[in-house]
Amino acid sequence: MKTLADQLLVGLALVASIAYAVFALGPRAWRGRFVAAGARLSALCGAHGLAARLKIASAKQDGGGCDACRKTVRRR
């Protein structure tokens, strides 16, 4: 039984690591979809407050572009 629990924990850590890598290093267009999927998943689990916050965050995500333009260009 302990080996099964150990394997499940290692698998969960591996999935979390891959998800973070895709979120951090993947295209910015995927981030909004990733957060929206998290909102749907948390709503299915019953965490409706978290789902609402994630849904708002996914709506704020813009698609494409890097952060360099936002840091150097001043808006008037």
PDB file of N, CA and C in Angstrom:
ATOM      1  N   MET A   1       0.823  -1.200   0.000  1.00  0.00           N
ATOM      2  CA  MET A   1       0.000   0.000   0.000  1.00  0.00           C
ATOM      3  C   MET A   1       0.863   1.259   0.000  1.00  0.00           C
ATOM      4  N   LYS A   2       1.997   1.199   0.707  1.00  0.00           N
ATOM      5  CA  LYS A   2       2.869   2.363   0.742  1.00  0.00           C
ATOM      6  C   LYS A   2       3.476   2.661  -0.620  1.00  0.00           C
ATOM      7  N   THR A   3       3.798   1.608  -1.369  1.00  0.00           N
ATOM      8  CA  THR A   3       4.387   1.841  -2.690  1.00  0.00           C
ATOM      9  C   THR A   3       3.382   2.501  -3.623  1.00  0.00           C
ATOM     10  N   LEU A   4       2.114   2.134  -3.508  1.00  0.00           N
ATOM     11  CA  LEU A   4       1.084   2.761  -4.329  1.00  0.00           C
ATOM     12  C   LEU A   4       0.952   4.244  -3.981  1.00  0.00           C
ATOM     13  N   ALA A   5       0.944   4.553  -2.692  1.00  0.00           N
ATOM     14  CA  ALA A   5       0.857   5.951  -2.268  1.00  0.00           C
ATOM     15  C   ALA A   5       2.092   6.727  -2.720  1.00  0.00           C
ATOM     16  N   ASP A   6       3.259   6.103  -2.632  1.00  0.00           N
ATOM     17  CA  ASP A   6       4.486   6.761  -3.088  1.00  0.00           C
ATOM     18  C   ASP A   6       4.434   7.040  -4.584  1.00  0.00           C
ATOM     19  N   GLN A   7       3.976   6.072  -5.348  1.00  0.00           N
ATOM     20  CA  GLN A   7       3.884   6.257  -6.795  1.00  0.00           C
ATOM     21  C   GLN A   7       2.864   7.326  -7.154  1.00  0.00           C
ATOM     22  N   LEU A   8       1.761   7.377  -6.434  1.00  0.00           N
ATOM     23  CA  LEU A   8       0.767   8.419  -6.694  1.00  0.00           C
ATOM     24  C   LEU A   8       1.316   9.810  -6.376  1.00  0.00           C
ATOM     25  N   LEU A   9       2.042   9.934  -5.279  1.00  0.00           N
ATOM     26  CA  LEU A   9       2.633  11.229  -4.926  1.00  0.00           C
ATOM     27  C   LEU A   9       3.680  11.664  -5.948  1.00  0.00           C
ATOM     28  N   VAL A  10       4.505  10.740  -6.390  1.00  0.00           N
ATOM     29  CA  VAL A  10       5.513  11.072  -7.402  1.00  0.00           C
ATOM     30  C   VAL A  10       4.842  11.449  -8.707  1.00  0.00           C
ATOM     31  N   GLY A  11       3.791  10.721  -9.089  1.00  0.00           N
ATOM     32  CA  GLY A  11       3.053  11.051 -10.303  1.00  0.00           C
ATOM     33  C   GLY A  11       2.392  12.414 -10.221  1.00  0.00           C
ATOM     34  N   LEU A  12       1.834  12.731  -9.066  1.00  0.00           N
ATOM     35  CA  LEU A  12       1.215  14.043  -8.868  1.00  0.00           C
ATOM     36  C   LEU A  12       2.252  15.160  -8.945  1.00  0.00           C
ATOM     37  N   ALA A  13       3.406  14.936  -8.352  1.00  0.00           N
ATOM     38  CA  ALA A  13       4.478  15.933  -8.423  1.00  0.00           C
ATOM     39  C   ALA A  13       4.960  16.110  -9.856  1.00  0.00           C
ATOM     40  N   LEU A  14       5.031  15.023 -10.604  1.00  0.00           N
ATOM     41  CA  LEU A  14       5.458  15.100 -11.999  1.00  0.00           C
ATOM     42  C   LEU A  14       4.441  15.866 -12.844  1.00  0.00           C
ATOM     43  N   VAL A  15       3.172  15.606 -12.643  1.00  0.00           N
ATOM     44  CA  VAL A  15       2.125  16.322 -13.382  1.00  0.00           C
ATOM     45  C   VAL A  15       2.144  17.805 -13.026  1.00  0.00           C
ATOM     46  N   ALA A  16       2.325  18.121 -11.752  1.00  0.00           N
ATOM     47  CA  ALA A  16       2.389  19.527 -11.333  1.00  0.00           C
ATOM     48  C   ALA A  16       3.604  20.215 -11.946  1.00  0.00           C
ATOM     49  N   SER A  17       4.718  19.518 -12.024  1.00  0.00           N
ATOM     50  CA  SER A  17       5.930  20.085 -12.611  1.00  0.00           C
ATOM     51  C   SER A  17       5.745  20.359 -14.102  1.00  0.00           C
ATOM     52  N   ILE A  18       5.143  19.418 -14.802  1.00  0.00           N
ATOM     53  CA  ILE A  18       4.905  19.600 -16.235  1.00  0.00           C
ATOM     54  C   ILE A  18       3.910  20.731 -16.468  1.00  0.00           C
ATOM     55  N   ALA A  19       2.877  20.803 -15.656  1.00  0.00           N
ATOM     56  CA  ALA A  19       1.890  21.877 -15.801  1.00  0.00           C
ATOM     57  C   ALA A  19       2.529  23.240 -15.568  1.00  0.00           C
ATOM     58  N   TYR A  20       3.399  23.342 -14.574  1.00  0.00           N
ATOM     59  CA  TYR A  20       4.087  24.613 -14.329  1.00  0.00           C
ATOM     60  C   TYR A  20       5.001  24.973 -15.496  1.00  0.00           C
ATOM     61  N   ALA A  21       5.708  23.995 -16.041  1.00  0.00           N
ATOM     62  CA  ALA A  21       6.608  24.258 -17.167  1.00  0.00           C
ATOM     63  C   ALA A  21       5.817  24.746 -18.381  1.00  0.00           C
ATOM     64  N   VAL A  22       4.680  24.124 -18.653  1.00  0.00           N
ATOM     65  CA  VAL A  22       3.857  24.562 -19.783  1.00  0.00           C
ATOM     66  C   VAL A  22       3.321  25.961 -19.521  1.00  0.00           C
ATOM     67  N   PHE A  23       2.909  26.222 -18.300  1.00  0.00           N
ATOM     68  CA  PHE A  23       2.369  27.543 -17.965  1.00  0.00           C
ATOM     69  C   PHE A  23       3.442  28.625 -18.046  1.00  0.00           C
ATOM     70  N   ALA A  24       4.627  28.346 -17.526  1.00  0.00           N
ATOM     71  CA  ALA A  24       5.683  29.357 -17.467  1.00  0.00           C
ATOM     72  C   ALA A  24       6.412  29.527 -18.795  1.00  0.00           C
ATOM     73  N   LEU A  25       6.646  28.439 -19.508  1.00  0.00           N
ATOM     74  CA  LEU A  25       7.468  28.507 -20.707  1.00  0.00           C
ATOM     75  C   LEU A  25       6.674  28.431 -22.000  1.00  0.00           C
ATOM     76  N   GLY A  26       5.429  28.064 -21.915  1.00  0.00           N
ATOM     77  CA  GLY A  26       4.608  27.919 -23.111  1.00  0.00           C
ATOM     78  C   GLY A  26       4.167  29.267 -23.662  1.00  0.00           C
ATOM     79  N   PRO A  27       3.497  29.241 -24.802  1.00  0.00           N
ATOM     80  CA  PRO A  27       2.994  30.487 -25.396  1.00  0.00           C
ATOM     81  C   PRO A  27       1.998  31.184 -24.473  1.00  0.00           C
ATOM     82  N   ARG A  28       1.990  32.491 -24.542  1.00  0.00           N
ATOM     83  CA  ARG A  28       1.093  33.266 -23.682  1.00  0.00           C
ATOM     84  C   ARG A  28      -0.369  32.996 -23.996  1.00  0.00           C
ATOM     85  N   ALA A  29      -0.659  32.620 -25.225  1.00  0.00           N
ATOM     86  CA  ALA A  29      -2.045  32.338 -25.597  1.00  0.00           C
ATOM     87  C   ALA A  29      -2.576  31.128 -24.835  1.00  0.00           C
ATOM     88  N   TRP A  30      -1.697  30.219 -24.438  1.00  0.00           N
ATOM     89  CA  TRP A  30      -2.119  29.033 -23.694  1.00  0.00           C
ATOM     90  C   TRP A  30      -2.443  29.353 -22.249  1.00  0.00           C
ATOM     91  N   ARG A  31      -1.898  30.441 -21.723  1.00  0.00           N
ATOM     92  CA  ARG A  31      -2.090  30.750 -20.305  1.00  0.00           C
ATOM     93  C   ARG A  31      -3.550  30.984 -19.961  1.00  0.00           C
ATOM     94  N   GLY A  32      -4.245  31.732 -20.797  1.00  0.00           N
ATOM     95  CA  GLY A  32      -5.661  31.976 -20.550  1.00  0.00           C
ATOM     96  C   GLY A  32      -6.468  30.694 -20.577  1.00  0.00           C
ATOM     97  N   ARG A  33      -6.137  29.821 -21.525  1.00  0.00           N
ATOM     98  CA  ARG A  33      -6.833  28.536 -21.609  1.00  0.00           C
ATOM     99  C   ARG A  33      -6.516  27.665 -20.402  1.00  0.00           C
ATOM    100  N   PHE A  34      -5.263  27.713 -19.971  1.00  0.00           N
ATOM    101  CA  PHE A  34      -4.832  26.920 -18.822  1.00  0.00           C
ATOM    102  C   PHE A  34      -5.565  27.363 -17.551  1.00  0.00           C
ATOM    103  N   VAL A  35      -5.682  28.664 -17.356  1.00  0.00           N
ATOM    104  CA  VAL A  35      -6.373  29.192 -16.177  1.00  0.00           C
ATOM    105  C   VAL A  35      -7.873  28.893 -16.268  1.00  0.00           C
ATOM    106  N   ALA A  36      -8.440  28.987 -17.481  1.00  0.00           N
ATOM    107  CA  ALA A  36      -9.862  28.672 -17.658  1.00  0.00           C
ATOM    108  C   ALA A  36     -10.130  27.198 -17.364  1.00  0.00           C
ATOM    109  N   ALA A  37      -9.216  26.329 -17.775  1.00  0.00           N
ATOM    110  CA  ALA A  37      -9.378  24.899 -17.469  1.00  0.00           C
ATOM    111  C   ALA A  37      -9.296  24.665 -15.966  1.00  0.00           C
ATOM    112  N   GLY A  38      -8.420  25.387 -15.291  1.00  0.00           N
ATOM    113  CA  GLY A  38      -8.336  25.291 -13.836  1.00  0.00           C
ATOM    114  C   GLY A  38      -9.615  25.760 -13.168  1.00  0.00           C
ATOM    115  N   ALA A  39     -10.248  26.779 -13.746  1.00  0.00           N
ATOM    116  CA  ALA A  39     -11.513  27.271 -13.200  1.00  0.00           C
ATOM    117  C   ALA A  39     -12.604  26.217 -13.338  1.00  0.00           C
ATOM    118  N   ARG A  40     -12.654  25.572 -14.510  1.00  0.00           N
ATOM    119  CA  ARG A  40     -13.670  24.533 -14.703  1.00  0.00           C
ATOM    120  C   ARG A  40     -13.421  23.345 -13.781  1.00  0.00           C
ATOM    121  N   LEU A  41     -12.158  22.979 -13.613  1.00  0.00           N
ATOM    122  CA  LEU A  41     -11.823  21.849 -12.750  1.00  0.00           C
ATOM    123  C   LEU A  41     -12.161  22.144 -11.292  1.00  0.00           C
ATOM    124  N   SER A  42     -11.868  23.358 -10.840  1.00  0.00           N
ATOM    125  CA  SER A  42     -12.174  23.701  -9.450  1.00  0.00           C
ATOM    126  C   SER A  42     -13.680  23.814  -9.226  1.00  0.00           C
ATOM    127  N   ALA A  43     -14.434  24.203 -10.252  1.00  0.00           N
ATOM    128  CA  ALA A  43     -15.895  24.238 -10.117  1.00  0.00           C
ATOM    129  C   ALA A  43     -16.449  22.827  -9.994  1.00  0.00           C
ATOM    130  N   LEU A  44     -15.864  21.886 -10.721  1.00  0.00           N
ATOM    131  CA  LEU A  44     -16.307  20.496 -10.621  1.00  0.00           C
ATOM    132  C   LEU A  44     -16.008  19.914  -9.240  1.00  0.00           C
ATOM    133  N   CYS A  45     -14.919  20.374  -8.635  1.00  0.00           N
ATOM    134  CA  CYS A  45     -14.538  19.869  -7.309  1.00  0.00           C
ATOM    135  C   CYS A  45     -15.319  20.550  -6.190  1.00  0.00           C
ATOM    136  N   GLY A  46     -16.069  21.588  -6.507  1.00  0.00           N
ATOM    137  CA  GLY A  46     -16.890  22.255  -5.506  1.00  0.00           C
ATOM    138  C   GLY A  46     -16.293  23.532  -4.944  1.00  0.00           C
ATOM    139  N   ALA A  47     -15.142  23.937  -5.440  1.00  0.00           N
ATOM    140  CA  ALA A  47     -14.499  25.173  -4.967  1.00  0.00           C
ATOM    141  C   ALA A  47     -14.982  26.330  -5.843  1.00  0.00           C
ATOM    142  N   HIS A  48     -16.203  26.788  -5.599  1.00  0.00           N
ATOM    143  CA  HIS A  48     -16.811  27.789  -6.461  1.00  0.00           C
ATOM    144  C   HIS A  48     -16.183  29.174  -6.305  1.00  0.00           C
ATOM    145  N   GLY A  49     -15.682  29.500  -5.127  1.00  0.00           N
ATOM    146  CA  GLY A  49     -15.005  30.779  -4.938  1.00  0.00           C
ATOM    147  C   GLY A  49     -13.717  30.841  -5.740  1.00  0.00           C
ATOM    148  N   LEU A  50     -12.934  29.766  -5.691  1.00  0.00           N
ATOM    149  CA  LEU A  50     -11.705  29.691  -6.469  1.00  0.00           C
ATOM    150  C   LEU A  50     -12.020  29.696  -7.957  1.00  0.00           C
ATOM    151  N   ALA A  51     -13.069  29.003  -8.349  1.00  0.00           N
ATOM    152  CA  ALA A  51     -13.461  28.960  -9.756  1.00  0.00           C
ATOM    153  C   ALA A  51     -13.821  30.358 -10.265  1.00  0.00           C
ATOM    154  N   ALA A  52     -14.493  31.138  -9.451  1.00  0.00           N
ATOM    155  CA  ALA A  52     -14.866  32.503  -9.858  1.00  0.00           C
ATOM    156  C   ALA A  52     -13.626  33.378 -10.023  1.00  0.00           C
ATOM    157  N   ARG A  53     -12.678  33.252  -9.087  1.00  0.00           N
ATOM    158  CA  ARG A  53     -11.447  34.046  -9.196  1.00  0.00           C
ATOM    159  C   ARG A  53     -10.625  33.642 -10.416  1.00  0.00           C
ATOM    160  N   LEU A  54     -10.559  32.352 -10.696  1.00  0.00           N
ATOM    161  CA  LEU A  54      -9.809  31.890 -11.862  1.00  0.00           C
ATOM    162  C   LEU A  54     -10.494  32.304 -13.164  1.00  0.00           C
ATOM    163  N   LYS A  55     -11.805  32.321 -13.168  1.00  0.00           N
ATOM    164  CA  LYS A  55     -12.527  32.749 -14.367  1.00  0.00           C
ATOM    165  C   LYS A  55     -12.263  34.217 -14.660  1.00  0.00           C
ATOM    166  N   ILE A  56     -12.232  35.036 -13.620  1.00  0.00           N
ATOM    167  CA  ILE A  56     -11.911  36.462 -13.798  1.00  0.00           C
ATOM    168  C   ILE A  56     -10.474  36.617 -14.283  1.00  0.00           C
ATOM    169  N   ALA A  57      -9.562  35.839 -13.718  1.00  0.00           N
ATOM    170  CA  ALA A  57      -8.161  35.916 -14.131  1.00  0.00           C
ATOM    171  C   ALA A  57      -7.977  35.470 -15.571  1.00  0.00           C
ATOM    172  N   SER A  58      -8.721  34.469 -16.013  1.00  0.00           N
ATOM    173  CA  SER A  58      -8.574  34.013 -17.393  1.00  0.00           C
ATOM    174  C   SER A  58      -9.129  35.041 -18.369  1.00  0.00           C
ATOM    175  N   ALA A  59     -10.115  35.810 -17.960  1.00  0.00           N
ATOM    176  CA  ALA A  59     -10.654  36.855 -18.830  1.00  0.00           C
ATOM    177  C   ALA A  59      -9.665  38.009 -18.985  1.00  0.00           C
ATOM    178  N   LYS A  60      -8.817  38.227 -17.986  1.00  0.00           N
ATOM    179  CA  LYS A  60      -7.844  39.309 -18.045  1.00  0.00           C
ATOM    180  C   LYS A  60      -6.619  38.957 -18.871  1.00  0.00           C
ATOM    181  N   GLN A  61      -6.389  37.663 -19.123  1.00  0.00           N
ATOM    182  CA  GLN A  61      -5.222  37.241 -19.882  1.00  0.00           C
ATOM    183  C   GLN A  61      -5.350  37.724 -21.316  1.00  0.00           C
ATOM    184  N   ASP A  62      -4.299  38.360 -21.813  1.00  0.00           N
ATOM    185  CA  ASP A  62      -4.297  38.756 -23.215  1.00  0.00           C
ATOM    186  C   ASP A  62      -3.489  37.746 -24.002  1.00  0.00           C
ATOM    187  N   GLY A  63      -3.765  37.626 -25.245  1.00  0.00           N
ATOM    188  CA  GLY A  63      -3.093  36.627 -26.060  1.00  0.00           C
ATOM    189  C   GLY A  63      -1.903  37.207 -26.789  1.00  0.00           C
ATOM    190  N   GLY A  64      -0.799  36.494 -26.771  1.00  0.00           N
ATOM    191  CA  GLY A  64       0.381  36.835 -27.558  1.00  0.00           C
ATOM    192  C   GLY A  64       1.181  37.990 -27.003  1.00  0.00           C
ATOM    193  N   GLY A  65       2.349  38.146 -27.563  1.00  0.00           N
ATOM    194  CA  GLY A  65       3.229  39.230 -27.178  1.00  0.00           C
ATOM    195  C   GLY A  65       4.058  38.883 -25.967  1.00  0.00           C
ATOM    196  N   CYS A  66       5.125  39.634 -25.797  1.00  0.00           N
ATOM    197  CA  CYS A  66       5.977  39.408 -24.632  1.00  0.00           C
ATOM    198  C   CYS A  66       5.823  40.581 -23.672  1.00  0.00           C
ATOM    199  N   ASP A  67       6.406  40.470 -22.527  1.00  0.00           N
ATOM    200  CA  ASP A  67       6.306  41.536 -21.534  1.00  0.00           C
ATOM    201  C   ASP A  67       7.276  42.682 -21.803  1.00  0.00           C
ATOM    202  N   ALA A  68       8.219  42.510 -22.721  1.00  0.00           N
ATOM    203  CA  ALA A  68       9.232  43.531 -22.964  1.00  0.00           C
ATOM    204  C   ALA A  68       8.603  44.826 -23.467  1.00  0.00           C
ATOM    205  N   CYS A  69       7.595  44.706 -24.318  1.00  0.00           N
ATOM    206  CA  CYS A  69       6.956  45.912 -24.858  1.00  0.00           C
ATOM    207  C   CYS A  69       6.241  46.689 -23.757  1.00  0.00           C
ATOM    208  N   ARG A  70       5.637  45.985 -22.847  1.00  0.00           N
ATOM    209  CA  ARG A  70       4.904  46.660 -21.775  1.00  0.00           C
ATOM    210  C   ARG A  70       5.846  47.359 -20.804  1.00  0.00           C
ATOM    211  N   LYS A  71       7.052  46.830 -20.663  1.00  0.00           N
ATOM    212  CA  LYS A  71       7.991  47.424 -19.722  1.00  0.00           C
ATOM    213  C   LYS A  71       8.684  48.663 -20.282  1.00  0.00           C
ATOM    214  N   THR A  72       8.879  48.713 -21.602  1.00  0.00           N
ATOM    215  CA  THR A  72       9.645  49.808 -22.182  1.00  0.00           C
ATOM    216  C   THR A  72       8.790  50.926 -22.738  1.00  0.00           C
ATOM    217  N   VAL A  73       7.583  50.616 -23.174  1.00  0.00           N
ATOM    218  CA  VAL A  73       6.726  51.625 -23.800  1.00  0.00           C
ATOM    219  C   VAL A  73       5.862  52.266 -22.721  1.00  0.00           C
ATOM    220  N   ARG A  74       5.908  53.582 -22.672  1.00  0.00           N
ATOM    221  CA  ARG A  74       5.078  54.314 -21.707  1.00  0.00           C
ATOM    222  C   ARG A  74       3.796  54.737 -22.387  1.00  0.00           C
ATOM    223  N   ARG A  75       2.708  54.506 -21.712  1.00  0.00           N
ATOM    224  CA  ARG A  75       1.415  54.922 -22.272  1.00  0.00           C
ATOM    225  C   ARG A  75       1.043  56.273 -21.716  1.00  0.00           C
ATOM    226  N   ARG A  76       0.475  57.093 -22.560  1.00  0.00           N
ATOM    227  CA  ARG A  76       0.113  58.448 -22.142  1.00  0.00           C
ATOM    228  C   ARG A  76      -1.363  58.612 -22.066  1.00  0.00           C
TER     229      ARG A  76
END
